[in-house]
Amino acid sequence: MHFQGVGVAIDGGYAEYAVLPSLNAIEVPREVDPVAATTIADAIATPVHIARRAGLGPRTRVAVLAAGGGVGLHMVQVARAYGADVVGLDVVADKLEYLEQQLGVRAADSSDFGAIALPPAWAGKADVVIDLYGRAPAQRWALDHLAKNGSLMCLTSMLDEEFTVSSRELVLSQLAVLGCRYASRYEVGLAAALVTSGRVRPLVSAVVGPEEVPAVHERIRSGSFPGRAALVS
């Protein structure tokens, strides 16, 4: 995979015109609205990559940290599409309500890592914890609540954020800590198929013009923005 994404490693994400390799062009399925399709290449394809890398399947117990964010709201749907038993963790009450009321996903408040309530049937353990938060206390909680043979999937790359893990705890419970970065072209196709089949619903909370971008950025930084925003000019 080549990680030279426009707007990430290369300037031009908000440019009126951009030059891309032809390989980067992927046809939008006819059944999918172009605005909804903006979620496929990242917010849905990345969860597909995670699901495949973690080996999610029927009855896999999955906890998603920061499940109310733009990737998280799609991650819980993708995990469920792969058959997993899912709990979404977040600290914002409106996002927890959205997970439960709009997506039908069990949600738990993670404001206090000492008081997170996982489902009783899980006996306090998850097979996979997907960390979209990227802070050391969350990652430590994740390792402490992995079942034997469990996996911690790390997606963020915060500077100066580190957590401690010993070889002994990895060996005794045969745990895995895996990094995930974006998705392959093939996985983007899988993400599109999940959308066209109706198994994953794209969540675009705002459609804005160029003049509204700074305000949307502020809402995203505040942590109160559900789903994704689309820029249309």
Foldseek 3Di string as FASTA:
>chain_A
DDPCDDVPNHDDPPPPDDDDPPVPDDDQDPLDDPQLLVCLQFLQLLLLQVCVVQVQAAAAFEEEELLQAQNNVNNQLVSVVRRYQYEYEDADPVSCCCCCPVVVHHYWYCPDLVDTDDDVVLVQAGQEYEYPPQAQVVVVSNLVRHAQNHEYEYEDDDPPHDYDDDPVSCVVSVYYYYYGDGHDPVSSVVSSVCVVVVSTGADAPEEEEPVCVVVVVVCVVVVNDGHHHHYDD
